[in-house]
Amino acid sequence: MTSPALETFTLEPAPGERVVGERLAGASPCYLFVHGLGSVRKGEKSTALFAHAAARGHSALRYDQRGHGESTGTIGQVAVSELIADAGRMLDRVGPSILFGSSLGGLVRDRKSTRLNSSHSSVSRMPSSA
């Protein structure tokens, strides 16, 4: 069985800044994964979530938070408010979503979910340890 094709994309929240992610095409709601501190978008948890989404025909999105992976920034110098804003940009890109977050990604997910309207209301909590 072949893996479904992923679209790699880059968002530019400000000049000289970039946030890199991947999207799996499929039905709504999108499964949006936010990784933890020191991790990257292509970890075991997001890979399992993408497989789950693909098996059910759902879209999925994962991205490197600023200071991680292919995105710009330095860990410890990126404000949490910037990470929360980036999660909002991802939601704007995909529309109605179920948010998943691990560790720092869980904090970002929780903070963003308190500001969501009803079209982005589902949140899933994941344990911080693998």
N, C-alpha and C. Protein backbone atom coordinates (compact mmCIF):
# COMPACT_ATOMS: atom_id res chain seq x y z
N MET A 1 0.85 -1.19 0.00
CA MET A 1 0.00 0.00 0.00
C MET A 1 0.88 1.24 0.00
N THR A 2 0.60 2.19 -0.88
CA THR A 2 1.40 3.40 -0.95
C THR A 2 0.84 4.46 0.00
N SER A 3 1.73 5.31 0.45
CA SER A 3 1.32 6.41 1.32
C SER A 3 0.66 7.50 0.48
N PRO A 4 -0.38 8.15 1.02
CA PRO A 4 -1.01 9.22 0.27
C PRO A 4 -0.06 10.40 0.10
N ALA A 5 -0.23 11.13 -1.00
CA ALA A 5 0.63 12.28 -1.29
C ALA A 5 0.35 13.42 -0.31
N LEU A 6 1.43 14.05 0.11
CA LEU A 6 1.34 15.20 0.99
C LEU A 6 1.74 16.45 0.24
N GLU A 7 1.02 17.53 0.47
CA GLU A 7 1.36 18.84 -0.08
C GLU A 7 2.22 19.56 0.95
N THR A 8 3.44 19.92 0.59
CA THR A 8 4.29 20.74 1.47
C THR A 8 4.01 22.20 1.16
N PHE A 9 3.90 23.02 2.18
CA PHE A 9 3.61 24.44 1.99
C PHE A 9 4.45 25.28 2.94
N THR A 10 4.56 26.55 2.64
CA THR A 10 5.28 27.50 3.48
C THR A 10 4.41 28.73 3.68
N LEU A 11 4.23 29.13 4.91
CA LEU A 11 3.56 30.38 5.24
C LEU A 11 4.61 31.38 5.69
N GLU A 12 4.40 32.65 5.39
CA GLU A 12 5.31 33.72 5.79
C GLU A 12 4.56 34.70 6.69
N PRO A 13 4.59 34.47 8.02
CA PRO A 13 3.84 35.34 8.93
C PRO A 13 4.37 36.77 8.98
N ALA A 14 5.65 36.97 8.61
CA ALA A 14 6.27 38.30 8.57
C ALA A 14 7.47 38.19 7.63
N PRO A 15 7.96 39.31 7.13
CA PRO A 15 9.13 39.26 6.25
C PRO A 15 10.30 38.53 6.90
N GLY A 16 10.89 37.58 6.16
CA GLY A 16 12.03 36.83 6.66
C GLY A 16 11.67 35.67 7.57
N GLU A 17 10.39 35.45 7.85
CA GLU A 17 9.96 34.35 8.71
C GLU A 17 9.18 33.34 7.87
N ARG A 18 9.34 32.07 8.22
CA ARG A 18 8.58 31.05 7.50
C ARG A 18 8.17 29.94 8.45
N VAL A 19 7.01 29.38 8.17
CA VAL A 19 6.48 28.23 8.88
C VAL A 19 6.18 27.18 7.81
N VAL A 20 6.81 26.01 7.93
CA VAL A 20 6.70 24.97 6.90
C VAL A 20 5.82 23.85 7.43
N GLY A 21 4.93 23.38 6.57
CA GLY A 21 4.03 22.31 6.97
C GLY A 21 3.69 21.38 5.82
N GLU A 22 2.86 20.40 6.14
CA GLU A 22 2.38 19.43 5.15
C GLU A 22 0.90 19.21 5.36
N ARG A 23 0.22 19.00 4.24
CA ARG A 23 -1.22 18.74 4.31
C ARG A 23 -1.57 17.51 3.50
N LEU A 24 -2.39 16.70 4.08
CA LEU A 24 -2.97 15.54 3.43
C LEU A 24 -4.38 15.94 2.99
N ALA A 25 -4.68 15.79 1.72
CA ALA A 25 -6.01 16.14 1.22
C ALA A 25 -7.04 15.14 1.74
N GLY A 26 -8.26 15.62 1.94
CA GLY A 26 -9.34 14.76 2.39
C GLY A 26 -10.52 15.57 2.85
N ALA A 27 -11.46 14.89 3.47
CA ALA A 27 -12.70 15.51 3.93
C ALA A 27 -12.48 16.31 5.21
N SER A 28 -13.42 17.19 5.46
CA SER A 28 -13.45 17.98 6.68
C SER A 28 -14.17 17.17 7.76
N PRO A 29 -13.85 17.34 9.02
CA PRO A 29 -12.87 18.28 9.54
C PRO A 29 -11.44 17.77 9.37
N CYS A 30 -10.52 18.72 9.31
CA CYS A 30 -9.10 18.41 9.19
C CYS A 30 -8.56 18.02 10.57
N TYR A 31 -7.65 17.06 10.61
CA TYR A 31 -6.93 16.72 11.83
C TYR A 31 -5.67 17.58 11.85
N LEU A 32 -5.60 18.55 12.74
CA LEU A 32 -4.46 19.47 12.81
C LEU A 32 -3.58 19.11 14.00
N PHE A 33 -2.32 18.77 13.73
CA PHE A 33 -1.39 18.33 14.77
C PHE A 33 -0.35 19.40 15.05
N VAL A 34 -0.14 19.72 16.35
CA VAL A 34 0.87 20.67 16.79
C VAL A 34 1.86 19.91 17.67
N HIS A 35 3.11 19.84 17.24
CA HIS A 35 4.13 19.04 17.95
C HIS A 35 4.66 19.73 19.20
N GLY A 36 5.45 19.00 19.96
CA GLY A 36 6.01 19.49 21.21
C GLY A 36 7.36 20.17 21.07
N LEU A 37 7.82 20.72 22.18
CA LEU A 37 9.10 21.43 22.24
C LEU A 37 10.24 20.50 21.86
N GLY A 38 11.09 20.95 20.95
CA GLY A 38 12.25 20.19 20.52
C GLY A 38 11.93 19.10 19.52
N SER A 39 10.69 18.99 19.11
CA SER A 39 10.27 17.98 18.15
C SER A 39 10.11 18.61 16.77
N VAL A 40 9.65 17.84 15.81
CA VAL A 40 9.38 18.32 14.46
C VAL A 40 8.07 17.73 13.98
N ARG A 41 7.59 18.23 12.87
CA ARG A 41 6.27 17.82 12.37
C ARG A 41 6.19 16.36 11.98
N LYS A 42 7.30 15.75 11.59
CA LYS A 42 7.28 14.38 11.06
C LYS A 42 7.59 13.34 12.12
N GLY A 43 7.06 13.49 13.32
CA GLY A 43 7.30 12.54 14.40
C GLY A 43 6.32 11.37 14.36
N GLU A 44 6.51 10.45 15.31
CA GLU A 44 5.67 9.26 15.38
C GLU A 44 4.19 9.59 15.60
N LYS A 45 3.90 10.56 16.47
CA LYS A 45 2.51 10.89 16.78
C LYS A 45 1.79 11.45 15.56
N SER A 46 2.43 12.39 14.85
CA SER A 46 1.77 12.96 13.68
C SER A 46 1.67 11.94 12.55
N THR A 47 2.66 11.08 12.42
CA THR A 47 2.61 10.04 11.39
C THR A 47 1.44 9.09 11.66
N ALA A 48 1.24 8.70 12.91
CA ALA A 48 0.11 7.84 13.26
C ALA A 48 -1.22 8.56 13.02
N LEU A 49 -1.28 9.85 13.36
CA LEU A 49 -2.50 10.61 13.15
C LEU A 49 -2.81 10.74 11.65
N PHE A 50 -1.78 10.96 10.84
CA PHE A 50 -1.98 11.06 9.39
C PHE A 50 -2.48 9.73 8.83
N ALA A 51 -1.95 8.61 9.30
CA ALA A 51 -2.42 7.30 8.85
C ALA A 51 -3.88 7.10 9.23
N HIS A 52 -4.24 7.52 10.44
CA HIS A 52 -5.62 7.43 10.92
C HIS A 52 -6.53 8.28 10.03
N ALA A 53 -6.10 9.50 9.73
CA ALA A 53 -6.90 10.40 8.89
C ALA A 53 -7.06 9.81 7.49
N ALA A 54 -5.97 9.33 6.91
CA ALA A 54 -6.02 8.79 5.56
C ALA A 54 -6.96 7.58 5.49
N ALA A 55 -6.93 6.72 6.48
CA ALA A 55 -7.79 5.53 6.51
C ALA A 55 -9.26 5.90 6.56
N ARG A 56 -9.56 7.08 7.06
CA ARG A 56 -10.95 7.53 7.20
C ARG A 56 -11.34 8.59 6.17
N GLY A 57 -10.40 8.92 5.27
CA GLY A 57 -10.71 9.89 4.23
C GLY A 57 -10.69 11.33 4.69
N HIS A 58 -10.09 11.61 5.86
CA HIS A 58 -10.03 12.98 6.37
C HIS A 58 -8.75 13.68 5.95
N SER A 59 -8.81 14.98 5.88
CA SER A 59 -7.60 15.77 5.66
C SER A 59 -6.83 15.87 6.98
N ALA A 60 -5.54 16.16 6.86
CA ALA A 60 -4.70 16.34 8.05
C ALA A 60 -3.64 17.38 7.73
N LEU A 61 -3.19 18.07 8.74
CA LEU A 61 -2.15 19.08 8.59
C LEU A 61 -1.21 19.00 9.78
N ARG A 62 0.08 19.11 9.49
CA ARG A 62 1.10 19.21 10.54
C ARG A 62 2.13 20.22 10.06
N TYR A 63 2.77 20.89 11.01
CA TYR A 63 3.74 21.91 10.63
C TYR A 63 4.83 21.99 11.69
N ASP A 64 5.99 22.50 11.27
CA ASP A 64 7.08 22.77 12.21
C ASP A 64 6.80 24.10 12.87
N GLN A 65 6.65 24.09 14.19
CA GLN A 65 6.49 25.35 14.90
C GLN A 65 7.77 26.17 14.72
N ARG A 66 7.66 27.47 14.83
CA ARG A 66 8.84 28.32 14.71
C ARG A 66 9.91 27.89 15.71
N GLY A 67 11.16 27.88 15.24
CA GLY A 67 12.26 27.43 16.07
C GLY A 67 12.49 25.93 15.96
N HIS A 68 11.75 25.26 15.12
CA HIS A 68 11.82 23.80 14.97
C HIS A 68 11.88 23.42 13.50
N GLY A 69 12.55 22.31 13.21
CA GLY A 69 12.56 21.75 11.87
C GLY A 69 12.91 22.75 10.79
N GLU A 70 12.08 22.81 9.76
CA GLU A 70 12.33 23.67 8.61
C GLU A 70 11.82 25.10 8.78
N SER A 71 11.13 25.38 9.87
CA SER A 71 10.62 26.73 10.11
C SER A 71 11.72 27.60 10.70
N THR A 72 11.59 28.90 10.51
CA THR A 72 12.59 29.84 11.04
C THR A 72 12.37 30.08 12.53
N GLY A 73 13.34 30.72 13.15
CA GLY A 73 13.25 31.07 14.57
C GLY A 73 14.18 30.21 15.40
N THR A 74 14.30 30.61 16.65
CA THR A 74 15.17 29.92 17.60
C THR A 74 14.36 29.56 18.83
N ILE A 75 14.47 28.28 19.24
CA ILE A 75 13.78 27.86 20.46
C ILE A 75 14.19 28.78 21.60
N GLY A 76 13.23 29.22 22.37
CA GLY A 76 13.49 30.11 23.50
C GLY A 76 13.42 31.58 23.14
N GLN A 77 13.42 31.88 21.85
CA GLN A 77 13.33 33.28 21.42
C GLN A 77 12.02 33.58 20.70
N VAL A 78 11.23 32.55 20.47
CA VAL A 78 9.93 32.72 19.83
C VAL A 78 8.88 32.79 20.93
N ALA A 79 8.07 33.82 20.90
CA ALA A 79 7.03 34.00 21.93
C ALA A 79 5.90 32.99 21.72
N VAL A 80 5.34 32.51 22.82
CA VAL A 80 4.20 31.60 22.74
C VAL A 80 3.05 32.25 21.97
N SER A 81 2.88 33.56 22.12
CA SER A 81 1.82 34.24 21.38
C SER A 81 2.02 34.12 19.87
N GLU A 82 3.28 34.07 19.41
CA GLU A 82 3.55 33.87 17.98
C GLU A 82 3.16 32.46 17.55
N LEU A 83 3.44 31.48 18.41
CA LEU A 83 3.08 30.10 18.11
C LEU A 83 1.57 29.93 18.04
N ILE A 84 0.87 30.60 18.93
CA ILE A 84 -0.60 30.56 18.93
C ILE A 84 -1.14 31.21 17.65
N ALA A 85 -0.56 32.34 17.27
CA ALA A 85 -0.98 33.00 16.03
C ALA A 85 -0.73 32.10 14.82
N ASP A 86 0.40 31.39 14.82
CA ASP A 86 0.69 30.46 13.72
C ASP A 86 -0.36 29.36 13.65
N ALA A 87 -0.79 28.84 14.79
CA ALA A 87 -1.84 27.82 14.80
C ALA A 87 -3.13 28.39 14.18
N GLY A 88 -3.40 29.64 14.46
CA GLY A 88 -4.55 30.31 13.85
C GLY A 88 -4.42 30.40 12.34
N ARG A 89 -3.21 30.67 11.87
CA ARG A 89 -2.98 30.71 10.42
C ARG A 89 -3.25 29.34 9.79
N MET A 90 -2.87 28.29 10.50
CA MET A 90 -3.13 26.94 9.98
C MET A 90 -4.63 26.68 9.91
N LEU A 91 -5.35 27.08 10.95
CA LEU A 91 -6.81 26.90 10.94
C LEU A 91 -7.45 27.70 9.81
N ASP A 92 -6.94 28.90 9.56
CA ASP A 92 -7.46 29.70 8.45
C ASP A 92 -7.24 28.99 7.12
N ARG A 93 -6.14 28.25 7.03
CA ARG A 93 -5.80 27.53 5.80
C ARG A 93 -6.73 26.34 5.56
N VAL A 94 -7.14 25.64 6.62
CA VAL A 94 -7.89 24.39 6.44
C VAL A 94 -9.35 24.43 6.87
N GLY A 95 -9.76 25.44 7.61
CA GLY A 95 -11.15 25.50 8.04
C GLY A 95 -11.42 24.60 9.24
N PRO A 96 -12.65 24.09 9.36
CA PRO A 96 -13.02 23.30 10.53
C PRO A 96 -12.03 22.16 10.79
N SER A 97 -11.59 22.07 12.03
CA SER A 97 -10.53 21.13 12.39
C SER A 97 -10.73 20.52 13.76
N ILE A 98 -10.09 19.38 13.94
CA ILE A 98 -9.93 18.79 15.26
C ILE A 98 -8.47 19.00 15.61
N LEU A 99 -8.21 19.71 16.68
CA LEU A 99 -6.84 20.05 17.07
C LEU A 99 -6.25 18.99 17.98
N PHE A 100 -5.03 18.57 17.67
CA PHE A 100 -4.26 17.64 18.49
C PHE A 100 -2.95 18.33 18.83
N GLY A 101 -2.51 18.23 20.07
CA GLY A 101 -1.24 18.83 20.46
C GLY A 101 -0.55 18.00 21.51
N SER A 102 0.76 17.99 21.46
CA SER A 102 1.57 17.25 22.41
C SER A 102 2.56 18.20 23.07
N SER A 103 2.65 18.18 24.39
CA SER A 103 3.60 19.00 25.14
C SER A 103 3.37 20.48 24.81
N LEU A 104 4.38 21.18 24.31
CA LEU A 104 4.21 22.58 23.94
C LEU A 104 3.06 22.74 22.94
N GLY A 105 2.92 21.78 22.05
CA GLY A 105 1.81 21.80 21.10
C GLY A 105 0.46 21.74 21.79
N GLY A 106 0.41 21.04 22.93
CA GLY A 106 -0.82 21.00 23.73
C GLY A 106 -1.14 22.35 24.33
N LEU A 107 -0.11 23.07 24.79
CA LEU A 107 -0.32 24.42 25.32
C LEU A 107 -0.83 25.34 24.21
N VAL A 108 -0.19 25.29 23.05
CA VAL A 108 -0.62 26.12 21.92
C VAL A 108 -2.06 25.77 21.54
N ARG A 109 -2.35 24.47 21.46
CA ARG A 109 -3.71 24.02 21.13
C ARG A 109 -4.73 24.55 22.15
N ASP A 110 -4.40 24.42 23.44
CA ASP A 110 -5.33 24.88 24.48
C ASP A 110 -5.56 26.38 24.41
N ARG A 111 -4.49 27.14 24.26
CA ARG A 111 -4.62 28.61 24.18
C ARG A 111 -5.41 29.02 22.95
N LYS A 112 -5.13 28.37 21.82
CA LYS A 112 -5.86 28.71 20.60
C LYS A 112 -7.31 28.29 20.70
N SER A 113 -7.58 27.15 21.30
CA SER A 113 -8.96 26.66 21.37
C SER A 113 -9.85 27.57 22.21
N THR A 114 -9.29 28.31 23.15
CA THR A 114 -10.11 29.23 23.94
C THR A 114 -10.55 30.43 23.12
N ARG A 115 -9.92 30.64 21.97
CA ARG A 115 -10.24 31.79 21.13
C ARG A 115 -10.98 31.41 19.86
N LEU A 116 -11.38 30.16 19.72
CA LEU A 116 -11.99 29.69 18.48
C LEU A 116 -13.49 29.95 18.46
N ASN A 117 -13.99 30.14 17.24
CA ASN A 117 -15.44 30.21 17.09
C ASN A 117 -15.97 28.79 16.91
N SER A 118 -17.24 28.64 16.78
CA SER A 118 -17.85 27.31 16.75
C SER A 118 -17.43 26.48 15.55
N SER A 119 -16.90 27.09 14.49
CA SER A 119 -16.50 26.30 13.32
C SER A 119 -15.20 25.55 13.54
N HIS A 120 -14.50 25.85 14.64
CA HIS A 120 -13.24 25.16 14.97
C HIS A 120 -13.29 24.70 16.42
N SER A 121 -14.30 23.96 16.79
CA SER A 121 -14.53 23.74 18.21
C SER A 121 -14.00 22.45 18.80
N SER A 122 -13.54 21.49 18.01
CA SER A 122 -13.12 20.22 18.57
C SER A 122 -11.65 20.23 18.97
N VAL A 123 -11.37 19.72 20.17
CA VAL A 123 -10.01 19.68 20.67
C VAL A 123 -9.77 18.28 21.25
N SER A 124 -8.61 17.71 20.95
CA SER A 124 -8.25 16.41 21.49
C SER A 124 -6.97 16.57 22.30
N ARG A 125 -6.95 16.03 23.49
CA ARG A 125 -5.76 16.12 24.34
C ARG A 125 -4.94 14.85 24.20
N MET A 126 -3.63 15.02 24.10
CA MET A 126 -2.71 13.88 24.00
C MET A 126 -1.77 13.90 25.18
N PRO A 127 -1.36 12.75 25.68
CA PRO A 127 -0.38 12.74 26.76
C PRO A 127 0.95 13.31 26.27
N SER A 128 1.71 13.93 27.17
CA SER A 128 2.98 14.53 26.80
C SER A 128 4.06 13.50 26.53
N SER A 129 3.97 12.33 27.13
CA SER A 129 4.98 11.30 26.91
C SER A 129 4.53 10.39 25.77
N ALA A 130 5.50 9.79 25.11
CA ALA A 130 5.18 8.93 23.94
C ALA A 130 4.59 7.61 24.37
